[in-house]
Amino acid sequence: MPKPAKKLKTIPKFRSDEEAGAFWMSHDAAEYLDLSKAQPVRFAKLRPSTATISLRLPQAMLEELRVLANERDVPYQSLLKVYLAERIAQERKAARTRRRASV
């Protein structure tokens, strides 16, 4: 006898990729999607969407960054990317807030 169909929850609408990411990090996709119908996907040979840059930093700043990265056991370049991403997100949020306030 087949199992009765499980009622799936409705996936909410997200205002940003960050909001969607936060949602899926704390929710089980099986409650929202019928994974029994999932099919494997093959991606073409994707190239990383990164660019190499040259950035001059004061020696003291670079050393401090390396210390912080070492404390977290991550490469200092990765920690720098996290810091940049966080600051960019803060700036975008502040800009959205300013735009709403001026309307």
C-alpha atoms as a PDB file:
ATOM      1  CA  MET A   1       0.000   0.000   0.000  1.00  0.00           C
ATOM      2  CA  PRO A   2       1.594   3.346  -1.039  1.00  0.00           C
ATOM      3  CA  LYS A   3       2.175   6.032   1.551  1.00  0.00           C
ATOM      4  CA  PRO A   4      -0.315   8.899   1.512  1.00  0.00           C
ATOM      5  CA  ALA A   5       1.070  11.998  -0.225  1.00  0.00           C
ATOM      6  CA  LYS A   6       2.744  14.295   2.262  1.00  0.00           C
ATOM      7  CA  LYS A   7       1.383  17.851   2.196  1.00  0.00           C
ATOM      8  CA  LEU A   8       4.223  20.134   1.219  1.00  0.00           C
ATOM      9  CA  LYS A   9       4.709  23.561   2.750  1.00  0.00           C
ATOM     10  CA  THR A  10       4.633  26.629   0.511  1.00  0.00           C
ATOM     11  CA  ILE A  11       8.010  28.187  -0.241  1.00  0.00           C
ATOM     12  CA  PRO A  12       7.944  31.844   0.844  1.00  0.00           C
ATOM     13  CA  LYS A  13       8.864  34.722  -1.467  1.00  0.00           C
ATOM     14  CA  PHE A  14      12.325  36.102  -0.740  1.00  0.00           C
ATOM     15  CA  ARG A  15      13.424  39.709  -1.114  1.00  0.00           C
ATOM     16  CA  SER A  16      17.089  38.809  -1.645  1.00  0.00           C
ATOM     17  CA  ASP A  17      19.496  35.947  -2.177  1.00  0.00           C
ATOM     18  CA  GLU A  18      20.744  36.498   1.377  1.00  0.00           C
ATOM     19  CA  GLU A  19      17.233  36.059   2.767  1.00  0.00           C
ATOM     20  CA  ALA A  20      16.750  32.883   0.709  1.00  0.00           C
ATOM     21  CA  GLY A  21      20.106  31.524   1.855  1.00  0.00           C
ATOM     22  CA  ALA A  22      19.294  32.170   5.507  1.00  0.00           C
ATOM     23  CA  PHE A  23      15.920  30.474   5.091  1.00  0.00           C
ATOM     24  CA  TRP A  24      17.321  27.304   3.490  1.00  0.00           C
ATOM     25  CA  MET A  25      20.130  27.083   6.070  1.00  0.00           C
ATOM     26  CA  SER A  26      17.485  26.704   8.799  1.00  0.00           C
ATOM     27  CA  HIS A  27      14.757  24.727   6.974  1.00  0.00           C
ATOM     28  CA  ASP A  28      14.556  21.240   5.494  1.00  0.00           C
ATOM     29  CA  ALA A  29      13.954  21.260   1.722  1.00  0.00           C
ATOM     30  CA  ALA A  30      12.096  17.943   2.024  1.00  0.00           C
ATOM     31  CA  GLU A  31       9.241  19.802   3.750  1.00  0.00           C
ATOM     32  CA  TYR A  32       8.877  22.097   0.722  1.00  0.00           C
ATOM     33  CA  LEU A  33       9.864  20.034  -2.317  1.00  0.00           C
ATOM     34  CA  ASP A  34       8.934  16.562  -3.543  1.00  0.00           C
ATOM     35  CA  LEU A  35      12.459  15.175  -3.642  1.00  0.00           C
ATOM     36  CA  SER A  36      11.249  11.822  -4.958  1.00  0.00           C
ATOM     37  CA  LYS A  37      10.930  13.482  -8.377  1.00  0.00           C
ATOM     38  CA  ALA A  38      14.402  15.026  -8.288  1.00  0.00           C
ATOM     39  CA  GLN A  39      16.740  14.146 -11.136  1.00  0.00           C
ATOM     40  CA  PRO A  40      20.509  14.417 -11.277  1.00  0.00           C
ATOM     41  CA  VAL A  41      21.870  17.434 -13.120  1.00  0.00           C
ATOM     42  CA  ARG A  42      25.187  17.741 -14.932  1.00  0.00           C
ATOM     43  CA  PHE A  43      26.711  21.161 -15.187  1.00  0.00           C
ATOM     44  CA  ALA A  44      28.966  22.153 -18.025  1.00  0.00           C
ATOM     45  CA  LYS A  45      32.563  22.839 -17.140  1.00  0.00           C
ATOM     46  CA  LEU A  46      31.993  25.953 -15.098  1.00  0.00           C
ATOM     47  CA  ARG A  47      34.771  28.426 -14.576  1.00  0.00           C
ATOM     48  CA  PRO A  48      35.068  30.181 -11.230  1.00  0.00           C
ATOM     49  CA  SER A  49      33.539  33.637 -11.372  1.00  0.00           C
ATOM     50  CA  THR A  50      36.454  35.264  -9.629  1.00  0.00           C
ATOM     51  CA  ALA A  51      38.994  37.808 -10.761  1.00  0.00           C
ATOM     52  CA  THR A  52      42.537  38.208  -9.586  1.00  0.00           C
ATOM     53  CA  ILE A  53      43.385  41.670  -8.281  1.00  0.00           C
ATOM     54  CA  SER A  54      46.419  43.348  -6.831  1.00  0.00           C
ATOM     55  CA  LEU A  55      45.750  45.182  -3.588  1.00  0.00           C
ATOM     56  CA  ARG A  56      48.330  47.134  -1.639  1.00  0.00           C
ATOM     57  CA  LEU A  57      47.800  47.047   2.121  1.00  0.00           C
ATOM     58  CA  PRO A  58      49.880  48.517   4.916  1.00  0.00           C
ATOM     59  CA  GLN A  59      52.170  45.803   6.304  1.00  0.00           C
ATOM     60  CA  ALA A  60      50.677  46.171   9.803  1.00  0.00           C
ATOM     61  CA  MET A  61      47.143  45.679   8.443  1.00  0.00           C
ATOM     62  CA  LEU A  62      48.182  42.562   6.538  1.00  0.00           C
ATOM     63  CA  GLU A  63      49.880  41.112   9.616  1.00  0.00           C
ATOM     64  CA  GLU A  64      46.788  41.778  11.752  1.00  0.00           C
ATOM     65  CA  LEU A  65      44.618  40.135   9.106  1.00  0.00           C
ATOM     66  CA  ARG A  66      46.891  37.089   9.101  1.00  0.00           C
ATOM     67  CA  VAL A  67      46.704  36.859  12.908  1.00  0.00           C
ATOM     68  CA  LEU A  68      42.904  37.021  12.845  1.00  0.00           C
ATOM     69  CA  ALA A  69      42.740  34.432  10.074  1.00  0.00           C
ATOM     70  CA  ASN A  70      45.130  32.146  11.935  1.00  0.00           C
ATOM     71  CA  GLU A  71      42.920  32.364  15.053  1.00  0.00           C
ATOM     72  CA  ARG A  72      39.987  31.169  12.915  1.00  0.00           C
ATOM     73  CA  ASP A  73      42.107  28.601  11.069  1.00  0.00           C
ATOM     74  CA  VAL A  74      41.219  30.034   7.646  1.00  0.00           C
ATOM     75  CA  PRO A  75      43.379  31.523   4.894  1.00  0.00           C
ATOM     76  CA  TYR A  76      43.737  35.289   5.278  1.00  0.00           C
ATOM     77  CA  GLN A  77      42.470  35.801   1.717  1.00  0.00           C
ATOM     78  CA  SER A  78      39.219  34.002   2.607  1.00  0.00           C
ATOM     79  CA  LEU A  79      38.785  36.067   5.752  1.00  0.00           C
ATOM     80  CA  LEU A  80      39.340  39.236   3.740  1.00  0.00           C
ATOM     81  CA  LYS A  81      36.616  38.155   1.283  1.00  0.00           C
ATOM     82  CA  VAL A  82      34.220  37.565   4.200  1.00  0.00           C
ATOM     83  CA  TYR A  83      34.986  41.006   5.622  1.00  0.00           C
ATOM     84  CA  LEU A  84      34.456  42.641   2.228  1.00  0.00           C
ATOM     85  CA  ALA A  85      31.181  40.784   1.650  1.00  0.00           C
ATOM     86  CA  GLU A  86      29.880  41.793   5.090  1.00  0.00           C
ATOM     87  CA  ARG A  87      30.776  45.448   4.530  1.00  0.00           C
ATOM     88  CA  ILE A  88      29.221  45.480   1.054  1.00  0.00           C
ATOM     89  CA  ALA A  89      26.016  44.026   2.520  1.00  0.00           C
ATOM     90  CA  GLN A  90      26.017  46.721   5.236  1.00  0.00           C
ATOM     91  CA  GLU A  91      26.499  49.485   2.673  1.00  0.00           C
ATOM     92  CA  ARG A  92      23.712  48.150   0.430  1.00  0.00           C
ATOM     93  CA  LYS A  93      21.343  47.883   3.409  1.00  0.00           C
ATOM     94  CA  ALA A  94      22.184  51.435   4.491  1.00  0.00           C
ATOM     95  CA  ALA A  95      21.584  52.686   0.933  1.00  0.00           C
ATOM     96  CA  ARG A  96      18.183  50.956   0.815  1.00  0.00           C
ATOM     97  CA  THR A  97      17.283  52.514   4.177  1.00  0.00           C
ATOM     98  CA  ARG A  98      18.309  55.973   2.940  1.00  0.00           C
ATOM     99  CA  ARG A  99      16.259  55.532  -0.248  1.00  0.00           C
ATOM    100  CA  ARG A 100      13.163  54.515   1.749  1.00  0.00           C
ATOM    101  CA  ALA A 101      13.607  57.442   4.121  1.00  0.00           C
ATOM    102  CA  SER A 102      13.819  59.927   1.245  1.00  0.00           C
ATOM    103  CA  VAL A 103      10.572  58.732  -0.362  1.00  0.00           C
END
